[in-house]
Protein backbone atom coordinates (compact mmCIF):
# COMPACT_ATOMS: atom_id res chain seq x y z
CA UNK A 1 0.00 0.00 0.00
CA UNK A 2 1.25 3.53 -0.80
CA UNK A 3 2.38 6.13 1.66
CA UNK A 4 -0.23 8.75 2.54
CA UNK A 5 0.92 12.24 1.53
CA UNK A 6 0.84 15.11 3.99
CA UNK A 7 -1.72 17.80 3.28
CA UNK A 8 -0.57 21.18 4.56
CA UNK A 9 -3.04 23.94 5.40
CA UNK A 10 -3.04 27.22 3.52
CA UNK A 11 -1.96 28.99 6.70
CA UNK A 12 1.06 26.68 7.08
CA UNK A 13 2.09 27.22 3.45
CA UNK A 14 1.76 30.98 3.82
CA UNK A 15 3.80 30.98 7.05
CA UNK A 16 6.59 28.95 5.39
CA UNK A 17 6.56 31.12 2.25
CA UNK A 18 6.71 34.31 4.33
CA UNK A 19 9.60 32.88 6.32
CA UNK A 20 11.63 32.26 3.17
CA UNK A 21 10.79 35.76 1.87
CA UNK A 22 12.01 37.32 5.10
CA UNK A 23 15.53 36.14 4.24
CA UNK A 24 16.48 35.42 7.85
CA UNK A 25 17.16 31.72 7.18
CA UNK A 26 18.29 29.72 4.19
CA UNK A 27 15.99 27.41 2.26
CA UNK A 28 17.81 24.41 3.73
CA UNK A 29 17.37 25.69 7.29
CA UNK A 30 13.65 26.29 6.72
CA UNK A 31 13.29 22.84 5.20
CA UNK A 32 14.65 21.25 8.36
CA UNK A 33 12.68 23.57 10.66
CA UNK A 34 9.31 22.94 9.00
CA UNK A 35 9.95 19.36 7.84
CA UNK A 36 9.15 20.14 4.21
CA UNK A 37 11.22 19.48 1.07
CA UNK A 38 13.02 22.60 -0.26
CA UNK A 39 11.29 22.23 -3.65
CA UNK A 40 7.89 22.52 -1.99
CA UNK A 41 8.99 25.63 -0.13
CA UNK A 42 10.23 27.18 -3.39
CA UNK A 43 6.91 26.37 -5.07
CA UNK A 44 4.93 27.94 -2.22
CA UNK A 45 7.14 31.05 -2.32
CA UNK A 46 6.64 31.42 -6.09
CA UNK A 47 2.88 31.02 -5.69
CA UNK A 48 2.78 33.64 -2.93
CA UNK A 49 4.79 36.14 -4.96
CA UNK A 50 2.75 35.46 -8.11
CA UNK A 51 -0.63 35.87 -6.40
CA UNK A 52 0.22 38.67 -3.95
CA UNK A 53 -1.22 41.27 -6.33
CA UNK A 54 -4.64 39.62 -6.13
CA UNK A 55 -4.93 40.82 -2.55
CA UNK A 56 -5.13 44.40 -3.77
CA UNK A 57 -6.80 43.86 -7.15
CA UNK A 58 -10.33 44.62 -6.00
CA UNK A 59 -9.76 48.06 -4.56
CA UNK A 60 -9.14 49.14 -0.99
CA UNK A 61 -10.94 46.18 0.58
CA UNK A 62 -8.84 43.45 -1.08
CA UNK A 63 -10.14 40.08 -2.22
CA UNK A 64 -12.15 39.44 0.91
CA UNK A 65 -14.27 42.55 0.50
CA UNK A 66 -13.80 43.49 4.16
CA UNK A 67 -12.20 46.76 5.02
CA UNK A 68 -11.32 48.24 8.38
CA UNK A 69 -14.27 49.51 10.36
CA UNK A 70 -13.71 52.81 12.13
CA UNK A 71 -13.60 51.09 15.53
CA UNK A 72 -11.10 48.48 14.30
CA UNK A 73 -8.22 50.85 13.68
CA UNK A 74 -5.30 50.57 16.10
CA UNK A 75 -2.10 52.50 16.39
CA UNK A 76 1.06 50.77 15.19
CA UNK A 77 2.41 50.04 18.72
CA UNK A 78 -0.94 48.53 19.78
CA UNK A 79 -1.04 46.40 16.65
CA UNK A 80 2.50 45.11 17.17
CA UNK A 81 1.68 44.27 20.78
CA UNK A 82 -1.50 42.44 19.73
CA UNK A 83 0.43 40.51 17.08
CA UNK A 84 3.15 39.59 19.56
CA UNK A 85 5.74 41.47 17.47
CA UNK A 86 5.85 38.58 15.01
CA UNK A 87 4.89 40.64 11.97
CA UNK A 88 7.02 40.05 8.89
CA UNK A 89 7.55 42.92 6.49
CA UNK A 90 8.88 42.27 3.01
CA UNK A 91 12.00 44.20 2.05
CA UNK A 92 11.27 47.21 -0.13
CA UNK A 93 7.55 47.35 0.63
CA UNK A 94 5.80 49.55 3.17
CA UNK A 95 3.73 47.90 5.89
CA UNK A 96 0.03 47.60 5.15
CA UNK A 97 -2.47 49.97 6.80
CA UNK A 98 -3.29 49.00 10.36
CA UNK A 99 -6.77 47.77 11.25
PDB file of N, CA and C in Angstrom:
ATOM      1  N   UNK A   1       0.837  -1.164   0.000  1.00  0.00           N
ATOM      2  CA  UNK A   1       0.000   0.000   0.000  1.00  0.00           C
ATOM      3  C   UNK A   1       0.893   1.242   0.000  1.00  0.00           C
ATOM      4  N   UNK A   2       0.442   2.318  -0.673  1.00  0.00           N
ATOM      5  CA  UNK A   2       1.247   3.534  -0.804  1.00  0.00           C
ATOM      6  C   UNK A   2       1.280   4.357   0.473  1.00  0.00           C
ATOM      7  N   UNK A   3       2.226   5.245   0.513  1.00  0.00           N
ATOM      8  CA  UNK A   3       2.382   6.133   1.655  1.00  0.00           C
ATOM      9  C   UNK A   3       1.411   7.302   1.506  1.00  0.00           C
ATOM     10  N   UNK A   4       0.699   7.633   2.569  1.00  0.00           N
ATOM     11  CA  UNK A   4      -0.233   8.754   2.538  1.00  0.00           C
ATOM     12  C   UNK A   4       0.552  10.067   2.566  1.00  0.00           C
ATOM     13  N   UNK A   5       0.227  10.953   1.630  1.00  0.00           N
ATOM     14  CA  UNK A   5       0.916  12.236   1.528  1.00  0.00           C
ATOM     15  C   UNK A   5       0.376  13.219   2.544  1.00  0.00           C
ATOM     16  N   UNK A   6       1.260  14.055   3.065  1.00  0.00           N
ATOM     17  CA  UNK A   6       0.839  15.106   3.988  1.00  0.00           C
ATOM     18  C   UNK A   6       0.062  16.164   3.217  1.00  0.00           C
ATOM     19  N   UNK A   7      -0.981  16.677   3.845  1.00  0.00           N
ATOM     20  CA  UNK A   7      -1.717  17.804   3.282  1.00  0.00           C
ATOM     21  C   UNK A   7      -1.541  18.978   4.229  1.00  0.00           C
ATOM     22  N   UNK A   8      -0.866  20.009   3.736  1.00  0.00           N
ATOM     23  CA  UNK A   8      -0.575  21.179   4.561  1.00  0.00           C
ATOM     24  C   UNK A   8      -1.664  22.226   4.374  1.00  0.00           C
ATOM     25  N   UNK A   9      -2.015  22.898   5.464  1.00  0.00           N
ATOM     26  CA  UNK A   9      -3.036  23.939   5.405  1.00  0.00           C
ATOM     27  C   UNK A   9      -2.502  25.162   4.661  1.00  0.00           C
ATOM     28  N   UNK A  10      -3.414  25.979   4.199  1.00  0.00           N
ATOM     29  CA  UNK A  10      -3.038  27.217   3.516  1.00  0.00           C
ATOM     30  C   UNK A  10      -2.259  28.132   4.455  1.00  0.00           C
ATOM     31  N   UNK A  11      -2.641  28.146   5.725  1.00  0.00           N
ATOM     32  CA  UNK A  11      -1.960  28.993   6.699  1.00  0.00           C
ATOM     33  C   UNK A  11      -0.511  28.542   6.884  1.00  0.00           C
ATOM     34  N   UNK A  12      -0.297  27.221   6.927  1.00  0.00           N
ATOM     35  CA  UNK A  12       1.055  26.684   7.075  1.00  0.00           C
ATOM     36  C   UNK A  12       1.904  27.070   5.868  1.00  0.00           C
ATOM     37  N   UNK A  13       1.352  26.884   4.671  1.00  0.00           N
ATOM     38  CA  UNK A  13       2.088  27.217   3.446  1.00  0.00           C
ATOM     39  C   UNK A  13       2.447  28.702   3.421  1.00  0.00           C
ATOM     40  N   UNK A  14       1.502  29.544   3.810  1.00  0.00           N
ATOM     41  CA  UNK A  14       1.756  30.979   3.823  1.00  0.00           C
ATOM     42  C   UNK A  14       2.841  31.330   4.833  1.00  0.00           C
ATOM     43  N   UNK A  15       2.793  30.698   6.016  1.00  0.00           N
ATOM     44  CA  UNK A  15       3.798  30.976   7.053  1.00  0.00           C
ATOM     45  C   UNK A  15       5.194  30.578   6.567  1.00  0.00           C
ATOM     46  N   UNK A  16       5.299  29.419   5.905  1.00  0.00           N
ATOM     47  CA  UNK A  16       6.590  28.953   5.394  1.00  0.00           C
ATOM     48  C   UNK A  16       7.076  29.880   4.278  1.00  0.00           C
ATOM     49  N   UNK A  17       6.177  30.244   3.364  1.00  0.00           N
ATOM     50  CA  UNK A  17       6.559  31.124   2.252  1.00  0.00           C
ATOM     51  C   UNK A  17       7.002  32.492   2.759  1.00  0.00           C
ATOM     52  N   UNK A  18       6.313  33.022   3.769  1.00  0.00           N
ATOM     53  CA  UNK A  18       6.706  34.312   4.333  1.00  0.00           C
ATOM     54  C   UNK A  18       8.061  34.211   5.031  1.00  0.00           C
ATOM     55  N   UNK A  19       8.317  33.076   5.649  1.00  0.00           N
ATOM     56  CA  UNK A  19       9.604  32.881   6.321  1.00  0.00           C
ATOM     57  C   UNK A  19      10.752  32.900   5.316  1.00  0.00           C
ATOM     58  N   UNK A  20      10.562  32.272   4.165  1.00  0.00           N
ATOM     59  CA  UNK A  20      11.630  32.264   3.166  1.00  0.00           C
ATOM     60  C   UNK A  20      11.789  33.658   2.561  1.00  0.00           C
ATOM     61  N   UNK A  21      10.702  34.401   2.410  1.00  0.00           N
ATOM     62  CA  UNK A  21      10.795  35.756   1.868  1.00  0.00           C
ATOM     63  C   UNK A  21      11.471  36.720   2.836  1.00  0.00           C
ATOM     64  N   UNK A  22      11.384  36.435   4.117  1.00  0.00           N
ATOM     65  CA  UNK A  22      12.011  37.323   5.096  1.00  0.00           C
ATOM     66  C   UNK A  22      13.531  37.319   4.965  1.00  0.00           C
ATOM     67  N   UNK A  23      14.097  36.213   4.466  1.00  0.00           N
ATOM     68  CA  UNK A  23      15.533  36.143   4.241  1.00  0.00           C
ATOM     69  C   UNK A  23      16.366  35.898   5.482  1.00  0.00           C
ATOM     70  N   UNK A  24      15.729  35.626   6.609  1.00  0.00           N
ATOM     71  CA  UNK A  24      16.479  35.415   7.847  1.00  0.00           C
ATOM     72  C   UNK A  24      17.165  34.049   7.888  1.00  0.00           C
ATOM     73  N   UNK A  25      16.583  33.068   7.204  1.00  0.00           N
ATOM     74  CA  UNK A  25      17.157  31.722   7.183  1.00  0.00           C
ATOM     75  C   UNK A  25      17.250  31.238   5.750  1.00  0.00           C
ATOM     76  N   UNK A  26      18.139  30.287   5.518  1.00  0.00           N
ATOM     77  CA  UNK A  26      18.288  29.716   4.186  1.00  0.00           C
ATOM     78  C   UNK A  26      17.156  28.730   3.918  1.00  0.00           C
ATOM     79  N   UNK A  27      17.002  28.379   2.659  1.00  0.00           N
ATOM     80  CA  UNK A  27      15.989  27.407   2.257  1.00  0.00           C
ATOM     81  C   UNK A  27      16.221  26.068   2.954  1.00  0.00           C
ATOM     82  N   UNK A  28      17.478  25.671   3.067  1.00  0.00           N
ATOM     83  CA  UNK A  28      17.807  24.409   3.733  1.00  0.00           C
ATOM     84  C   UNK A  28      17.436  24.447   5.214  1.00  0.00           C
ATOM     85  N   UNK A  29      17.715  25.561   5.880  1.00  0.00           N
ATOM     86  CA  UNK A  29      17.367  25.691   7.289  1.00  0.00           C
ATOM     87  C   UNK A  29      15.853  25.629   7.494  1.00  0.00           C
ATOM     88  N   UNK A  30      15.105  26.310   6.618  1.00  0.00           N
ATOM     89  CA  UNK A  30      13.648  26.294   6.723  1.00  0.00           C
ATOM     90  C   UNK A  30      13.086  24.903   6.438  1.00  0.00           C
ATOM     91  N   UNK A  31      13.719  24.194   5.523  1.00  0.00           N
ATOM     92  CA  UNK A  31      13.293  22.837   5.198  1.00  0.00           C
ATOM     93  C   UNK A  31      13.379  21.934   6.424  1.00  0.00           C
ATOM     94  N   UNK A  32      14.470  22.046   7.147  1.00  0.00           N
ATOM     95  CA  UNK A  32      14.653  21.248   8.362  1.00  0.00           C
ATOM     96  C   UNK A  32      13.681  21.707   9.448  1.00  0.00           C
ATOM     97  N   UNK A  33      13.550  23.019   9.611  1.00  0.00           N
ATOM     98  CA  UNK A  33      12.683  23.571  10.657  1.00  0.00           C
ATOM     99  C   UNK A  33      11.222  23.162  10.477  1.00  0.00           C
ATOM    100  N   UNK A  34      10.722  23.231   9.238  1.00  0.00           N
ATOM    101  CA  UNK A  34       9.311  22.937   8.995  1.00  0.00           C
ATOM    102  C   UNK A  34       9.055  21.500   8.546  1.00  0.00           C
ATOM    103  N   UNK A  35      10.118  20.746   8.259  1.00  0.00           N
ATOM    104  CA  UNK A  35       9.949  19.359   7.839  1.00  0.00           C
ATOM    105  C   UNK A  35       9.334  19.213   6.460  1.00  0.00           C
ATOM    106  N   UNK A  36       9.701  20.118   5.560  1.00  0.00           N
ATOM    107  CA  UNK A  36       9.147  20.142   4.212  1.00  0.00           C
ATOM    108  C   UNK A  36      10.309  20.190   3.219  1.00  0.00           C
ATOM    109  N   UNK A  37      10.166  19.502   2.092  1.00  0.00           N
ATOM    110  CA  UNK A  37      11.218  19.480   1.073  1.00  0.00           C
ATOM    111  C   UNK A  37      11.446  20.890   0.517  1.00  0.00           C
ATOM    112  N   UNK A  38      12.711  21.260   0.253  1.00  0.00           N
ATOM    113  CA  UNK A  38      13.015  22.596  -0.262  1.00  0.00           C
ATOM    114  C   UNK A  38      12.269  22.949  -1.553  1.00  0.00           C
ATOM    115  N   UNK A  39      12.024  21.968  -2.404  1.00  0.00           N
ATOM    116  CA  UNK A  39      11.289  22.231  -3.646  1.00  0.00           C
ATOM    117  C   UNK A  39       9.869  22.701  -3.355  1.00  0.00           C
ATOM    118  N   UNK A  40       9.234  22.099  -2.354  1.00  0.00           N
ATOM    119  CA  UNK A  40       7.888  22.516  -1.989  1.00  0.00           C
ATOM    120  C   UNK A  40       7.903  23.947  -1.464  1.00  0.00           C
ATOM    121  N   UNK A  41       8.889  24.277  -0.666  1.00  0.00           N
ATOM    122  CA  UNK A  41       8.993  25.635  -0.126  1.00  0.00           C
ATOM    123  C   UNK A  41       9.167  26.634  -1.270  1.00  0.00           C
ATOM    124  N   UNK A  42      10.018  26.299  -2.235  1.00  0.00           N
ATOM    125  CA  UNK A  42      10.226  27.178  -3.387  1.00  0.00           C
ATOM    126  C   UNK A  42       8.933  27.364  -4.177  1.00  0.00           C
ATOM    127  N   UNK A  43       8.180  26.278  -4.348  1.00  0.00           N
ATOM    128  CA  UNK A  43       6.906  26.369  -5.069  1.00  0.00           C
ATOM    129  C   UNK A  43       5.914  27.269  -4.333  1.00  0.00           C
ATOM    130  N   UNK A  44       5.840  27.121  -3.013  1.00  0.00           N
ATOM    131  CA  UNK A  44       4.927  27.943  -2.218  1.00  0.00           C
ATOM    132  C   UNK A  44       5.337  29.414  -2.275  1.00  0.00           C
ATOM    133  N   UNK A  45       6.639  29.680  -2.239  1.00  0.00           N
ATOM    134  CA  UNK A  45       7.142  31.047  -2.322  1.00  0.00           C
ATOM    135  C   UNK A  45       6.766  31.665  -3.669  1.00  0.00           C
ATOM    136  N   UNK A  46       6.979  30.916  -4.760  1.00  0.00           N
ATOM    137  CA  UNK A  46       6.644  31.419  -6.088  1.00  0.00           C
ATOM    138  C   UNK A  46       5.150  31.706  -6.205  1.00  0.00           C
ATOM    139  N   UNK A  47       4.329  30.834  -5.653  1.00  0.00           N
ATOM    140  CA  UNK A  47       2.881  31.019  -5.687  1.00  0.00           C
ATOM    141  C   UNK A  47       2.474  32.266  -4.900  1.00  0.00           C
ATOM    142  N   UNK A  48       3.084  32.468  -3.742  1.00  0.00           N
ATOM    143  CA  UNK A  48       2.777  33.642  -2.926  1.00  0.00           C
ATOM    144  C   UNK A  48       3.150  34.922  -3.664  1.00  0.00           C
ATOM    145  N   UNK A  49       4.325  34.959  -4.240  1.00  0.00           N
ATOM    146  CA  UNK A  49       4.786  36.144  -4.960  1.00  0.00           C
ATOM    147  C   UNK A  49       3.897  36.403  -6.175  1.00  0.00           C
ATOM    148  N   UNK A  50       3.551  35.330  -6.897  1.00  0.00           N
ATOM    149  CA  UNK A  50       2.746  35.464  -8.109  1.00  0.00           C
ATOM    150  C   UNK A  50       1.344  35.982  -7.801  1.00  0.00           C
ATOM    151  N   UNK A  51       0.763  35.529  -6.703  1.00  0.00           N
ATOM    152  CA  UNK A  51      -0.625  35.868  -6.401  1.00  0.00           C
ATOM    153  C   UNK A  51      -0.784  36.996  -5.392  1.00  0.00           C
ATOM    154  N   UNK A  52       0.298  37.597  -4.948  1.00  0.00           N
ATOM    155  CA  UNK A  52       0.220  38.675  -3.950  1.00  0.00           C
ATOM    156  C   UNK A  52      -0.578  39.855  -4.474  1.00  0.00           C
ATOM    157  N   UNK A  53      -0.486  40.152  -5.751  1.00  0.00           N
ATOM    158  CA  UNK A  53      -1.218  41.270  -6.333  1.00  0.00           C
ATOM    159  C   UNK A  53      -2.721  41.106  -6.263  1.00  0.00           C
ATOM    160  N   UNK A  54      -3.202  39.869  -6.217  1.00  0.00           N
ATOM    161  CA  UNK A  54      -4.641  39.619  -6.134  1.00  0.00           C
ATOM    162  C   UNK A  54      -5.239  40.184  -4.847  1.00  0.00           C
ATOM    163  N   UNK A  55      -4.440  40.286  -3.808  1.00  0.00           N
ATOM    164  CA  UNK A  55      -4.930  40.819  -2.546  1.00  0.00           C
ATOM    165  C   UNK A  55      -5.416  42.253  -2.693  1.00  0.00           C
ATOM    166  N   UNK A  56      -4.828  42.985  -3.608  1.00  0.00           N
ATOM    167  CA  UNK A  56      -5.132  44.400  -3.769  1.00  0.00           C
ATOM    168  C   UNK A  56      -5.857  44.690  -5.078  1.00  0.00           C
ATOM    169  N   UNK A  57      -6.207  43.678  -5.829  1.00  0.00           N
ATOM    170  CA  UNK A  57      -6.796  43.856  -7.153  1.00  0.00           C
ATOM    171  C   UNK A  57      -8.209  44.409  -7.111  1.00  0.00           C
ATOM    172  N   UNK A  58      -8.929  44.205  -6.053  1.00  0.00           N
ATOM    173  CA  UNK A  58     -10.330  44.617  -6.004  1.00  0.00           C
ATOM    174  C   UNK A  58     -10.540  45.893  -5.210  1.00  0.00           C
ATOM    175  N   UNK A  59      -9.597  46.780  -5.237  1.00  0.00           N
ATOM    176  CA  UNK A  59      -9.756  48.058  -4.557  1.00  0.00           C
ATOM    177  C   UNK A  59      -9.254  48.021  -3.132  1.00  0.00           C
ATOM    178  N   UNK A  60      -9.688  48.991  -2.337  1.00  0.00           N
ATOM    179  CA  UNK A  60      -9.135  49.138  -0.990  1.00  0.00           C
ATOM    180  C   UNK A  60      -9.512  48.024  -0.029  1.00  0.00           C
ATOM    181  N   UNK A  61     -10.503  47.218  -0.348  1.00  0.00           N
ATOM    182  CA  UNK A  61     -10.938  46.178   0.580  1.00  0.00           C
ATOM    183  C   UNK A  61     -10.331  44.820   0.277  1.00  0.00           C
ATOM    184  N   UNK A  62      -9.505  44.710  -0.763  1.00  0.00           N
ATOM    185  CA  UNK A  62      -8.838  43.452  -1.081  1.00  0.00           C
ATOM    186  C   UNK A  62      -9.805  42.401  -1.580  1.00  0.00           C
ATOM    187  N   UNK A  63      -9.347  41.169  -1.677  1.00  0.00           N
ATOM    188  CA  UNK A  63     -10.143  40.077  -2.225  1.00  0.00           C
ATOM    189  C   UNK A  63     -11.279  39.675  -1.310  1.00  0.00           C
ATOM    190  N   UNK A  64     -11.126  39.861  -0.020  1.00  0.00           N
ATOM    191  CA  UNK A  64     -12.152  39.442   0.912  1.00  0.00           C
ATOM    192  C   UNK A  64     -13.328  40.385   0.993  1.00  0.00           C
ATOM    193  N   UNK A  65     -13.187  41.596   0.477  1.00  0.00           N
ATOM    194  CA  UNK A  65     -14.272  42.549   0.495  1.00  0.00           C
ATOM    195  C   UNK A  65     -14.504  43.180   1.865  1.00  0.00           C
ATOM    196  N   UNK A  66     -13.635  42.938   2.819  1.00  0.00           N
ATOM    197  CA  UNK A  66     -13.796  43.487   4.162  1.00  0.00           C
ATOM    198  C   UNK A  66     -12.719  44.522   4.400  1.00  0.00           C
ATOM    199  N   UNK A  67     -13.153  45.706   4.704  1.00  0.00           N
ATOM    200  CA  UNK A  67     -12.202  46.765   5.019  1.00  0.00           C
ATOM    201  C   UNK A  67     -12.130  46.939   6.519  1.00  0.00           C
ATOM    202  N   UNK A  68     -11.414  47.936   6.955  1.00  0.00           N
ATOM    203  CA  UNK A  68     -11.323  48.241   8.378  1.00  0.00           C
ATOM    204  C   UNK A  68     -12.521  49.078   8.772  1.00  0.00           C
ATOM    205  N   UNK A  69     -13.210  48.684   9.807  1.00  0.00           N
ATOM    206  CA  UNK A  69     -14.269  49.509  10.356  1.00  0.00           C
ATOM    207  C   UNK A  69     -13.609  50.595  11.187  1.00  0.00           C
ATOM    208  N   UNK A  70     -14.299  51.700  11.383  1.00  0.00           N
ATOM    209  CA  UNK A  70     -13.705  52.807  12.132  1.00  0.00           C
ATOM    210  C   UNK A  70     -13.221  52.362  13.508  1.00  0.00           C
ATOM    211  N   UNK A  71     -13.977  51.530  14.196  1.00  0.00           N
ATOM    212  CA  UNK A  71     -13.598  51.090  15.527  1.00  0.00           C
ATOM    213  C   UNK A  71     -12.477  50.073  15.542  1.00  0.00           C
ATOM    214  N   UNK A  72     -12.130  49.514  14.374  1.00  0.00           N
ATOM    215  CA  UNK A  72     -11.101  48.480  14.298  1.00  0.00           C
ATOM    216  C   UNK A  72      -9.688  49.029  14.185  1.00  0.00           C
ATOM    217  N   UNK A  73      -9.551  50.293  13.906  1.00  0.00           N
ATOM    218  CA  UNK A  73      -8.221  50.852  13.677  1.00  0.00           C
ATOM    219  C   UNK A  73      -7.447  50.936  14.990  1.00  0.00           C
ATOM    220  N   UNK A  74      -6.191  50.507  14.939  1.00  0.00           N
ATOM    221  CA  UNK A  74      -5.297  50.574  16.097  1.00  0.00           C
ATOM    222  C   UNK A  74      -4.062  51.344  15.699  1.00  0.00           C
ATOM    223  N   UNK A  75      -3.381  51.846  16.683  1.00  0.00           N
ATOM    224  CA  UNK A  75      -2.105  52.497  16.391  1.00  0.00           C
ATOM    225  C   UNK A  75      -1.068  51.401  16.153  1.00  0.00           C
ATOM    226  N   UNK A  76       0.020  51.749  15.500  1.00  0.00           N
ATOM    227  CA  UNK A  76       1.058  50.771  15.189  1.00  0.00           C
ATOM    228  C   UNK A  76       1.593  50.056  16.431  1.00  0.00           C
ATOM    229  N   UNK A  77       1.907  50.757  17.539  1.00  0.00           N
ATOM    230  CA  UNK A  77       2.412  50.040  18.717  1.00  0.00           C
ATOM    231  C   UNK A  77       1.382  49.060  19.291  1.00  0.00           C
ATOM    232  N   UNK A  78       0.091  49.447  19.279  1.00  0.00           N
ATOM    233  CA  UNK A  78      -0.937  48.531  19.781  1.00  0.00           C
ATOM    234  C   UNK A  78      -1.034  47.305  18.895  1.00  0.00           C
ATOM    235  N   UNK A  79      -0.939  47.511  17.578  1.00  0.00           N
ATOM    236  CA  UNK A  79      -1.041  46.398  16.646  1.00  0.00           C
ATOM    237  C   UNK A  79       0.126  45.439  16.820  1.00  0.00           C
ATOM    238  N   UNK A  80       1.336  45.975  16.977  1.00  0.00           N
ATOM    239  CA  UNK A  80       2.497  45.107  17.174  1.00  0.00           C
ATOM    240  C   UNK A  80       2.372  44.330  18.469  1.00  0.00           C
ATOM    241  N   UNK A  81       1.857  44.964  19.500  1.00  0.00           N
ATOM    242  CA  UNK A  81       1.680  44.275  20.781  1.00  0.00           C
ATOM    243  C   UNK A  81       0.636  43.172  20.644  1.00  0.00           C
ATOM    244  N   UNK A  82      -0.449  43.438  19.919  1.00  0.00           N
ATOM    245  CA  UNK A  82      -1.501  42.442  19.726  1.00  0.00           C
ATOM    246  C   UNK A  82      -0.998  41.269  18.890  1.00  0.00           C
ATOM    247  N   UNK A  83      -0.105  41.561  17.945  1.00  0.00           N
ATOM    248  CA  UNK A  83       0.427  40.510  17.085  1.00  0.00           C
ATOM    249  C   UNK A  83       1.601  39.797  17.731  1.00  0.00           C
ATOM    250  N   UNK A  84       2.009  40.219  18.884  1.00  0.00           N
ATOM    251  CA  UNK A  84       3.150  39.589  19.555  1.00  0.00           C
ATOM    252  C   UNK A  84       4.459  39.912  18.878  1.00  0.00           C
ATOM    253  N   UNK A  85       4.531  41.024  18.174  1.00  0.00           N
ATOM    254  CA  UNK A  85       5.743  41.474  17.475  1.00  0.00           C
ATOM    255  C   UNK A  85       6.287  40.424  16.520  1.00  0.00           C
ATOM    256  N   UNK A  86       5.397  39.602  15.944  1.00  0.00           N
ATOM    257  CA  UNK A  86       5.854  38.577  15.011  1.00  0.00           C
ATOM    258  C   UNK A  86       5.542  38.947  13.574  1.00  0.00           C
ATOM    259  N   UNK A  87       5.208  40.207  13.323  1.00  0.00           N
ATOM    260  CA  UNK A  87       4.885  40.640  11.971  1.00  0.00           C
ATOM    261  C   UNK A  87       6.124  40.558  11.098  1.00  0.00           C
ATOM    262  N   UNK A  88       5.928  40.142   9.851  1.00  0.00           N
ATOM    263  CA  UNK A  88       7.023  40.045   8.894  1.00  0.00           C
ATOM    264  C   UNK A  88       6.752  41.048   7.785  1.00  0.00           C
ATOM    265  N   UNK A  89       7.687  41.959   7.554  1.00  0.00           N
ATOM    266  CA  UNK A  89       7.552  42.922   6.491  1.00  0.00           C
ATOM    267  C   UNK A  89       8.510  42.550   5.383  1.00  0.00           C
ATOM    268  N   UNK A  90       8.039  42.586   4.145  1.00  0.00           N
ATOM    269  CA  UNK A  90       8.882  42.269   3.007  1.00  0.00           C
ATOM    270  C   UNK A  90       9.824  43.427   2.736  1.00  0.00           C
ATOM    271  N   UNK A  91      11.067  43.130   2.345  1.00  0.00           N
ATOM    272  CA  UNK A  91      11.997  44.205   2.050  1.00  0.00           C
ATOM    273  C   UNK A  91      11.524  45.020   0.856  1.00  0.00           C
ATOM    274  N   UNK A  92      11.627  46.343   0.973  1.00  0.00           N
ATOM    275  CA  UNK A  92      11.268  47.205  -0.134  1.00  0.00           C
ATOM    276  C   UNK A  92       9.790  47.521  -0.234  1.00  0.00           C
ATOM    277  N   UNK A  93       8.972  47.043   0.700  1.00  0.00           N
ATOM    278  CA  UNK A  93       7.549  47.352   0.633  1.00  0.00           C
ATOM    279  C   UNK A  93       7.109  47.930   1.975  1.00  0.00           C
ATOM    280  N   UNK A  94       6.264  48.959   1.912  1.00  0.00           N
ATOM    281  CA  UNK A  94       5.796  49.554   3.167  1.00  0.00           C
ATOM    282  C   UNK A  94       4.821  48.629   3.864  1.00  0.00           C
ATOM    283  N   UNK A  95       4.710  48.725   5.173  1.00  0.00           N
ATOM    284  CA  UNK A  95       3.732  47.897   5.886  1.00  0.00           C
ATOM    285  C   UNK A  95       2.325  48.278   5.468  1.00  0.00           C
ATOM    286  N   UNK A  96       1.409  47.329   5.533  1.00  0.00           N
ATOM    287  CA  UNK A  96       0.034  47.595   5.150  1.00  0.00           C
ATOM    288  C   UNK A  96      -0.644  48.463   6.198  1.00  0.00           C
ATOM    289  N   UNK A  97      -1.763  49.133   5.833  1.00  0.00           N
ATOM    290  CA  UNK A  97      -2.466  49.965   6.801  1.00  0.00           C
ATOM    291  C   UNK A  97      -2.943  49.119   7.980  1.00  0.00           C
ATOM    292  N   UNK A  98      -2.902  49.708   9.135  1.00  0.00           N
ATOM    293  CA  UNK A  98      -3.286  48.999  10.355  1.00  0.00           C
ATOM    294  C   UNK A  98      -4.797  48.979  10.499  1.00  0.00           C
ATOM    295  N   UNK A  99      -5.335  47.887  10.960  1.00  0.00           N
ATOM    296  CA  UNK A  99      -6.771  47.769  11.247  1.00  0.00           C
ATOM    297  C   UNK A  99      -6.941  47.599  12.727  1.00  0.00           C
TER     298      UNK A  99
END
